[in-house]
């Protein structure tokens, strides 16, 4: 796939089974070798080569690494040459980057959740416990969200948990804040989040709920102090 067509032409998987088998044999590897390199079952590798399984994007990326080539090369026509790359270490063999957990102050917790738009509400007294995402706004130490009158969230009252996080998986860093509080109706329209605030589909907004924070805890994961 050229730079001119990348992102505009959907790659074809028609030749993928043949390409996977050809590349494996070219490297002199067995199905067991590929399974070990990918961390996936040998039966899965067989099913890809037979064309009975279409790998997901993450699995295809792992397969390309195991075959010391690129995803684009695996999706290329049958006659195309392969790009050569060094094989990565088997899954689980790489040294895990050092990280440390830092307990955040309430001030830092508030500063972080003030910049987010979506959190999760867990009703502690609900007959059928649930955890649901909501768009929210932070008012002082309290959280306000709105929902439809016929939703489970509209009946939330009493003890609740509210959680917000932000994780950067590739960098293995992130943070999480947990609020324990009491939910109650909020009838002041000035408190409600704007109809277009937050990425979560809001739908009808008949009822607004305020969570009065009673306890707030948070932790974040970071590289050790002094690490570049």
C-alpha atoms as a PDB file:
ATOM      1  CA  UNK A   1       0.000   0.000   0.000  1.00  0.00           C
ATOM      2  CA  UNK A   2       1.534   3.329  -1.009  1.00  0.00           C
ATOM      3  CA  UNK A   3       1.476   6.517   1.057  1.00  0.00           C
ATOM      4  CA  UNK A   4      -0.992   7.948  -1.452  1.00  0.00           C
ATOM      5  CA  UNK A   5      -3.522   5.177  -0.821  1.00  0.00           C
ATOM      6  CA  UNK A   6      -2.882   4.511   2.873  1.00  0.00           C
ATOM      7  CA  UNK A   7      -6.007   5.301   4.825  1.00  0.00           C
ATOM      8  CA  UNK A   8      -8.185   5.545   1.728  1.00  0.00           C
ATOM      9  CA  UNK A   9      -8.054   1.988   0.374  1.00  0.00           C
ATOM     10  CA  UNK A  10      -9.158  -0.811   2.653  1.00  0.00           C
ATOM     11  CA  UNK A  11      -6.532  -3.587   2.632  1.00  0.00           C
ATOM     12  CA  UNK A  12      -7.691  -6.932   1.275  1.00  0.00           C
ATOM     13  CA  UNK A  13      -7.395 -10.100   3.361  1.00  0.00           C
ATOM     14  CA  UNK A  14      -7.919 -12.367   0.339  1.00  0.00           C
ATOM     15  CA  UNK A  15      -4.266 -13.405   0.157  1.00  0.00           C
ATOM     16  CA  UNK A  16      -3.657 -13.335   3.916  1.00  0.00           C
ATOM     17  CA  UNK A  17      -3.832 -17.120   4.537  1.00  0.00           C
ATOM     18  CA  UNK A  18      -1.392 -17.819   1.728  1.00  0.00           C
ATOM     19  CA  UNK A  19       0.889 -14.966   2.785  1.00  0.00           C
ATOM     20  CA  UNK A  20       1.047 -16.119   6.395  1.00  0.00           C
ATOM     21  CA  UNK A  21       1.932 -19.678   5.423  1.00  0.00           C
ATOM     22  CA  UNK A  22       4.473 -18.570   2.831  1.00  0.00           C
ATOM     23  CA  UNK A  23       6.226 -16.227   5.219  1.00  0.00           C
ATOM     24  CA  UNK A  24       6.310 -18.823   7.998  1.00  0.00           C
ATOM     25  CA  UNK A  25       7.904 -21.389   5.681  1.00  0.00           C
ATOM     26  CA  UNK A  26      10.305 -18.778   4.307  1.00  0.00           C
ATOM     27  CA  UNK A  27      11.603 -18.225   7.836  1.00  0.00           C
ATOM     28  CA  UNK A  28      11.744 -21.953   8.520  1.00  0.00           C
ATOM     29  CA  UNK A  29       9.324 -21.647  11.429  1.00  0.00           C
ATOM     30  CA  UNK A  30       6.706 -24.117  12.590  1.00  0.00           C
ATOM     31  CA  UNK A  31       3.176 -23.302  13.660  1.00  0.00           C
ATOM     32  CA  UNK A  32       4.324 -23.921  17.226  1.00  0.00           C
ATOM     33  CA  UNK A  33       7.089 -21.350  16.780  1.00  0.00           C
ATOM     34  CA  UNK A  34       4.582 -18.733  15.621  1.00  0.00           C
ATOM     35  CA  UNK A  35       2.222 -19.584  18.463  1.00  0.00           C
ATOM     36  CA  UNK A  36       5.058 -19.119  20.937  1.00  0.00           C
ATOM     37  CA  UNK A  37       6.060 -15.797  19.407  1.00  0.00           C
ATOM     38  CA  UNK A  38       2.518 -14.410  19.355  1.00  0.00           C
ATOM     39  CA  UNK A  39       1.347 -15.906  22.630  1.00  0.00           C
ATOM     40  CA  UNK A  40      -1.698 -17.232  20.750  1.00  0.00           C
ATOM     41  CA  UNK A  41      -2.821 -20.883  20.395  1.00  0.00           C
ATOM     42  CA  UNK A  42      -1.345 -23.014  17.628  1.00  0.00           C
ATOM     43  CA  UNK A  43      -4.867 -23.869  16.501  1.00  0.00           C
ATOM     44  CA  UNK A  44      -5.475 -20.172  15.905  1.00  0.00           C
ATOM     45  CA  UNK A  45      -2.403 -19.954  13.664  1.00  0.00           C
ATOM     46  CA  UNK A  46      -3.645 -22.993  11.730  1.00  0.00           C
ATOM     47  CA  UNK A  47      -7.064 -21.382  11.302  1.00  0.00           C
ATOM     48  CA  UNK A  48      -5.530 -18.179   9.936  1.00  0.00           C
ATOM     49  CA  UNK A  49      -3.463 -20.116   7.406  1.00  0.00           C
ATOM     50  CA  UNK A  50      -6.516 -22.128   6.344  1.00  0.00           C
ATOM     51  CA  UNK A  51      -8.594 -18.988   5.921  1.00  0.00           C
ATOM     52  CA  UNK A  52     -11.205 -19.969   8.497  1.00  0.00           C
ATOM     53  CA  UNK A  53     -10.275 -17.136  10.869  1.00  0.00           C
ATOM     54  CA  UNK A  54      -9.961 -13.435  10.102  1.00  0.00           C
ATOM     55  CA  UNK A  55      -7.622 -11.996  12.759  1.00  0.00           C
ATOM     56  CA  UNK A  56      -8.477  -8.781  14.555  1.00  0.00           C
ATOM     57  CA  UNK A  57      -6.227  -5.755  14.058  1.00  0.00           C
ATOM     58  CA  UNK A  58      -4.262  -6.353  17.320  1.00  0.00           C
ATOM     59  CA  UNK A  59      -3.838 -10.074  16.540  1.00  0.00           C
ATOM     60  CA  UNK A  60      -2.726  -9.278  12.985  1.00  0.00           C
ATOM     61  CA  UNK A  61      -0.117  -6.895  14.355  1.00  0.00           C
ATOM     62  CA  UNK A  62       1.219  -9.608  16.678  1.00  0.00           C
ATOM     63  CA  UNK A  63       1.268 -12.050  13.782  1.00  0.00           C
ATOM     64  CA  UNK A  64       3.244  -9.604  11.626  1.00  0.00           C
ATOM     65  CA  UNK A  65       5.781  -9.173  14.440  1.00  0.00           C
ATOM     66  CA  UNK A  66       6.116 -12.946  14.827  1.00  0.00           C
ATOM     67  CA  UNK A  67       6.679 -13.302  11.090  1.00  0.00           C
ATOM     68  CA  UNK A  68       9.289 -10.524  11.146  1.00  0.00           C
ATOM     69  CA  UNK A  69       7.398  -8.396   8.643  1.00  0.00           C
ATOM     70  CA  UNK A  70       4.688  -5.750   8.492  1.00  0.00           C
ATOM     71  CA  UNK A  71       0.889  -5.832   8.505  1.00  0.00           C
ATOM     72  CA  UNK A  72       0.874  -4.186   5.070  1.00  0.00           C
ATOM     73  CA  UNK A  73       3.089  -6.986   3.727  1.00  0.00           C
ATOM     74  CA  UNK A  74       0.759  -9.674   5.080  1.00  0.00           C
ATOM     75  CA  UNK A  75      -2.148  -7.964   3.331  1.00  0.00           C
ATOM     76  CA  UNK A  76      -0.255  -7.488   0.060  1.00  0.00           C
ATOM     77  CA  UNK A  77      -0.848  -9.549  -3.114  1.00  0.00           C
ATOM     78  CA  UNK A  78       0.507 -13.102  -3.129  1.00  0.00           C
ATOM     79  CA  UNK A  79       3.518 -12.312  -5.322  1.00  0.00           C
ATOM     80  CA  UNK A  80       4.770  -9.319  -3.315  1.00  0.00           C
ATOM     81  CA  UNK A  81       8.098  -9.519  -1.486  1.00  0.00           C
ATOM     82  CA  UNK A  82       8.221  -9.323   2.308  1.00  0.00           C
ATOM     83  CA  UNK A  83       9.830  -6.576   4.334  1.00  0.00           C
ATOM     84  CA  UNK A  84      12.258  -8.024   6.868  1.00  0.00           C
ATOM     85  CA  UNK A  85      12.114  -6.955  10.519  1.00  0.00           C
ATOM     86  CA  UNK A  86      13.726  -8.335  13.645  1.00  0.00           C
ATOM     87  CA  UNK A  87      11.511 -10.634  15.687  1.00  0.00           C
ATOM     88  CA  UNK A  88      10.347  -9.136  18.993  1.00  0.00           C
ATOM     89  CA  UNK A  89      10.785 -10.855  22.328  1.00  0.00           C
ATOM     90  CA  UNK A  90       8.011 -13.393  23.093  1.00  0.00           C
ATOM     91  CA  UNK A  91       5.035 -11.948  25.017  1.00  0.00           C
ATOM     92  CA  UNK A  92       5.722 -11.698  28.708  1.00  0.00           C
ATOM     93  CA  UNK A  93       9.491 -11.876  28.231  1.00  0.00           C
ATOM     94  CA  UNK A  94      10.095  -8.137  27.905  1.00  0.00           C
ATOM     95  CA  UNK A  95      11.243  -6.415  31.093  1.00  0.00           C
ATOM     96  CA  UNK A  96       8.318  -4.438  32.442  1.00  0.00           C
ATOM     97  CA  UNK A  97       9.059  -0.716  32.682  1.00  0.00           C
ATOM     98  CA  UNK A  98       9.348   0.478  36.244  1.00  0.00           C
ATOM     99  CA  UNK A  99       6.373   2.398  37.568  1.00  0.00           C
ATOM    100  CA  UNK A 100       5.289   3.662  40.947  1.00  0.00           C
ATOM    101  CA  UNK A 101       1.880   4.375  42.447  1.00  0.00           C
ATOM    102  CA  UNK A 102       1.349   7.812  43.957  1.00  0.00           C
ATOM    103  CA  UNK A 103      -1.495   8.595  46.355  1.00  0.00           C
ATOM    104  CA  UNK A 104      -3.114  11.854  45.228  1.00  0.00           C
ATOM    105  CA  UNK A 105      -4.336  14.593  47.515  1.00  0.00           C
ATOM    106  CA  UNK A 106      -7.970  15.646  47.323  1.00  0.00           C
ATOM    107  CA  UNK A 107      -6.838  18.857  45.629  1.00  0.00           C
ATOM    108  CA  UNK A 108      -5.142  16.879  42.872  1.00  0.00           C
ATOM    109  CA  UNK A 109      -8.147  14.543  42.552  1.00  0.00           C
ATOM    110  CA  UNK A 110     -10.454  17.521  42.035  1.00  0.00           C
ATOM    111  CA  UNK A 111      -8.089  19.137  39.539  1.00  0.00           C
ATOM    112  CA  UNK A 112      -7.950  15.970  37.455  1.00  0.00           C
ATOM    113  CA  UNK A 113     -11.651  15.106  37.377  1.00  0.00           C
ATOM    114  CA  UNK A 114     -12.513  18.742  36.602  1.00  0.00           C
ATOM    115  CA  UNK A 115     -10.838  18.228  33.215  1.00  0.00           C
ATOM    116  CA  UNK A 116     -12.716  15.017  32.361  1.00  0.00           C
ATOM    117  CA  UNK A 117     -16.210  14.635  30.907  1.00  0.00           C
ATOM    118  CA  UNK A 118     -17.291  11.033  31.561  1.00  0.00           C
ATOM    119  CA  UNK A 119     -17.419   9.087  34.826  1.00  0.00           C
ATOM    120  CA  UNK A 120     -19.090   5.921  36.126  1.00  0.00           C
ATOM    121  CA  UNK A 121     -21.855   5.790  38.713  1.00  0.00           C
ATOM    122  CA  UNK A 122     -22.387   2.744  40.946  1.00  0.00           C
ATOM    123  CA  UNK A 123     -25.531   2.693  43.095  1.00  0.00           C
ATOM    124  CA  UNK A 124     -24.789   0.856  46.348  1.00  0.00           C
ATOM    125  CA  UNK A 125     -28.421   0.402  47.453  1.00  0.00           C
ATOM    126  CA  UNK A 126     -29.901  -0.623  44.090  1.00  0.00           C
ATOM    127  CA  UNK A 127     -31.758  -3.990  44.074  1.00  0.00           C
ATOM    128  CA  UNK A 128     -29.721  -4.954  41.007  1.00  0.00           C
ATOM    129  CA  UNK A 129     -26.281  -3.351  41.316  1.00  0.00           C
ATOM    130  CA  UNK A 130     -25.014  -1.607  38.194  1.00  0.00           C
ATOM    131  CA  UNK A 131     -22.244   0.657  36.981  1.00  0.00           C
ATOM    132  CA  UNK A 132     -23.132   3.108  34.209  1.00  0.00           C
ATOM    133  CA  UNK A 133     -21.182   5.864  32.417  1.00  0.00           C
ATOM    134  CA  UNK A 134     -22.483   9.440  32.471  1.00  0.00           C
ATOM    135  CA  UNK A 135     -21.488  12.878  31.266  1.00  0.00           C
ATOM    136  CA  UNK A 136     -20.959  15.063  34.312  1.00  0.00           C
ATOM    137  CA  UNK A 137     -19.866  18.435  35.638  1.00  0.00           C
ATOM    138  CA  UNK A 138     -17.950  19.127  38.824  1.00  0.00           C
ATOM    139  CA  UNK A 139     -19.471  21.773  41.136  1.00  0.00           C
ATOM    140  CA  UNK A 140     -17.123  22.377  44.019  1.00  0.00           C
ATOM    141  CA  UNK A 141     -16.631  18.882  45.458  1.00  0.00           C
ATOM    142  CA  UNK A 142     -19.939  17.587  44.086  1.00  0.00           C
ATOM    143  CA  UNK A 143     -20.746  15.821  40.830  1.00  0.00           C
ATOM    144  CA  UNK A 144     -23.896  16.539  38.790  1.00  0.00           C
ATOM    145  CA  UNK A 145     -25.250  14.457  35.909  1.00  0.00           C
ATOM    146  CA  UNK A 146     -28.578  14.295  34.063  1.00  0.00           C
ATOM    147  CA  UNK A 147     -30.525  11.379  32.645  1.00  0.00           C
ATOM    148  CA  UNK A 148     -33.922  10.289  31.299  1.00  0.00           C
ATOM    149  CA  UNK A 149     -36.777   9.864  33.790  1.00  0.00           C
ATOM    150  CA  UNK A 150     -37.260   6.205  32.860  1.00  0.00           C
ATOM    151  CA  UNK A 151     -33.592   5.216  33.238  1.00  0.00           C
ATOM    152  CA  UNK A 152     -32.039   3.291  36.114  1.00  0.00           C
ATOM    153  CA  UNK A 153     -29.916   6.319  36.928  1.00  0.00           C
ATOM    154  CA  UNK A 154     -32.986   8.491  37.535  1.00  0.00           C
ATOM    155  CA  UNK A 155     -33.821   6.386  40.587  1.00  0.00           C
ATOM    156  CA  UNK A 156     -30.355   6.591  42.102  1.00  0.00           C
ATOM    157  CA  UNK A 157     -30.518   7.873  45.677  1.00  0.00           C
ATOM    158  CA  UNK A 158     -28.517   7.451  48.823  1.00  0.00           C
ATOM    159  CA  UNK A 159     -25.005   5.946  48.938  1.00  0.00           C
ATOM    160  CA  UNK A 160     -23.171   5.822  45.606  1.00  0.00           C
ATOM    161  CA  UNK A 161     -19.691   5.530  44.203  1.00  0.00           C
ATOM    162  CA  UNK A 162     -18.457   7.710  41.341  1.00  0.00           C
ATOM    163  CA  UNK A 163     -15.265   6.835  39.484  1.00  0.00           C
ATOM    164  CA  UNK A 164     -13.234   8.715  36.870  1.00  0.00           C
ATOM    165  CA  UNK A 165      -9.974   7.649  35.290  1.00  0.00           C
ATOM    166  CA  UNK A 166      -7.610   8.428  32.458  1.00  0.00           C
ATOM    167  CA  UNK A 167      -5.272   5.680  31.246  1.00  0.00           C
ATOM    168  CA  UNK A 168      -2.553   5.901  28.623  1.00  0.00           C
ATOM    169  CA  UNK A 169      -2.065   2.210  27.897  1.00  0.00           C
ATOM    170  CA  UNK A 170       0.922   2.520  25.584  1.00  0.00           C
ATOM    171  CA  UNK A 171       2.862   4.556  28.154  1.00  0.00           C
ATOM    172  CA  UNK A 172       1.562   2.488  31.089  1.00  0.00           C
ATOM    173  CA  UNK A 173       0.654   5.571  33.059  1.00  0.00           C
ATOM    174  CA  UNK A 174      -2.657   6.939  34.264  1.00  0.00           C
ATOM    175  CA  UNK A 175      -4.780   7.822  37.252  1.00  0.00           C
ATOM    176  CA  UNK A 176      -8.061   6.955  38.935  1.00  0.00           C
ATOM    177  CA  UNK A 177     -10.286   8.880  41.363  1.00  0.00           C
ATOM    178  CA  UNK A 178     -13.061   7.342  43.453  1.00  0.00           C
ATOM    179  CA  UNK A 179     -15.736   9.403  45.211  1.00  0.00           C
ATOM    180  CA  UNK A 180     -17.993   7.965  47.854  1.00  0.00           C
ATOM    181  CA  UNK A 181     -21.038  10.147  48.426  1.00  0.00           C
ATOM    182  CA  UNK A 182     -24.778  10.546  48.597  1.00  0.00           C
ATOM    183  CA  UNK A 183     -26.982  10.984  45.529  1.00  0.00           C
ATOM    184  CA  UNK A 184     -30.025  13.281  45.613  1.00  0.00           C
ATOM    185  CA  UNK A 185     -32.208  15.125  43.081  1.00  0.00           C
ATOM    186  CA  UNK A 186     -30.910  18.484  41.840  1.00  0.00           C
ATOM    187  CA  UNK A 187     -33.690  20.710  40.545  1.00  0.00           C
ATOM    188  CA  UNK A 188     -31.570  23.788  39.816  1.00  0.00           C
ATOM    189  CA  UNK A 189     -31.259  24.035  35.995  1.00  0.00           C
ATOM    190  CA  UNK A 190     -28.125  26.145  36.415  1.00  0.00           C
ATOM    191  CA  UNK A 191     -26.310  23.111  37.837  1.00  0.00           C
ATOM    192  CA  UNK A 192     -27.009  20.782  34.894  1.00  0.00           C
ATOM    193  CA  UNK A 193     -24.313  19.932  32.350  1.00  0.00           C
ATOM    194  CA  UNK A 194     -24.880  21.491  28.936  1.00  0.00           C
ATOM    195  CA  UNK A 195     -26.748  19.318  26.455  1.00  0.00           C
ATOM    196  CA  UNK A 196     -23.644  19.052  24.268  1.00  0.00           C
ATOM    197  CA  UNK A 197     -21.156  18.493  27.094  1.00  0.00           C
ATOM    198  CA  UNK A 198     -19.409  15.154  27.164  1.00  0.00           C
ATOM    199  CA  UNK A 199     -18.941  12.488  24.496  1.00  0.00           C
ATOM    200  CA  UNK A 200     -21.331   9.946  26.012  1.00  0.00           C
ATOM    201  CA  UNK A 201     -24.735   9.981  24.191  1.00  0.00           C
ATOM    202  CA  UNK A 202     -26.979  11.754  26.686  1.00  0.00           C
ATOM    203  CA  UNK A 203     -30.433  11.261  25.134  1.00  0.00           C
ATOM    204  CA  UNK A 204     -33.264  12.790  27.170  1.00  0.00           C
ATOM    205  CA  UNK A 205     -32.267  14.795  30.224  1.00  0.00           C
ATOM    206  CA  UNK A 206     -35.381  14.841  32.396  1.00  0.00           C
ATOM    207  CA  UNK A 207     -33.732  14.351  35.779  1.00  0.00           C
ATOM    208  CA  UNK A 208     -30.534  15.740  37.281  1.00  0.00           C
ATOM    209  CA  UNK A 209     -28.741  14.056  40.160  1.00  0.00           C
ATOM    210  CA  UNK A 210     -26.180  15.599  42.490  1.00  0.00           C
ATOM    211  CA  UNK A 211     -23.632  13.396  44.207  1.00  0.00           C
ATOM    212  CA  UNK A 212     -22.520  15.104  47.391  1.00  0.00           C
ATOM    213  CA  UNK A 213     -18.966  13.941  47.930  1.00  0.00           C
ATOM    214  CA  UNK A 214     -18.154  12.601  51.372  1.00  0.00           C
ATOM    215  CA  UNK A 215     -14.849  10.892  50.726  1.00  0.00           C
ATOM    216  CA  UNK A 216     -12.471  11.205  47.786  1.00  0.00           C
ATOM    217  CA  UNK A 217      -9.425   9.067  47.068  1.00  0.00           C
ATOM    218  CA  UNK A 218      -7.143   8.850  44.073  1.00  0.00           C
ATOM    219  CA  UNK A 219      -3.995   7.225  42.799  1.00  0.00           C
ATOM    220  CA  UNK A 220      -1.829   7.716  39.766  1.00  0.00           C
ATOM    221  CA  UNK A 221       0.864   5.629  38.128  1.00  0.00           C
ATOM    222  CA  UNK A 222       4.034   7.318  36.951  1.00  0.00           C
ATOM    223  CA  UNK A 223       7.651   6.500  36.055  1.00  0.00           C
ATOM    224  CA  UNK A 224       9.975   6.669  39.048  1.00  0.00           C
ATOM    225  CA  UNK A 225      11.112  10.170  39.969  1.00  0.00           C
ATOM    226  CA  UNK A 226      14.077  11.230  37.873  1.00  0.00           C
ATOM    227  CA  UNK A 227      13.310   8.883  34.945  1.00  0.00           C
ATOM    228  CA  UNK A 228      13.555  10.685  31.620  1.00  0.00           C
END
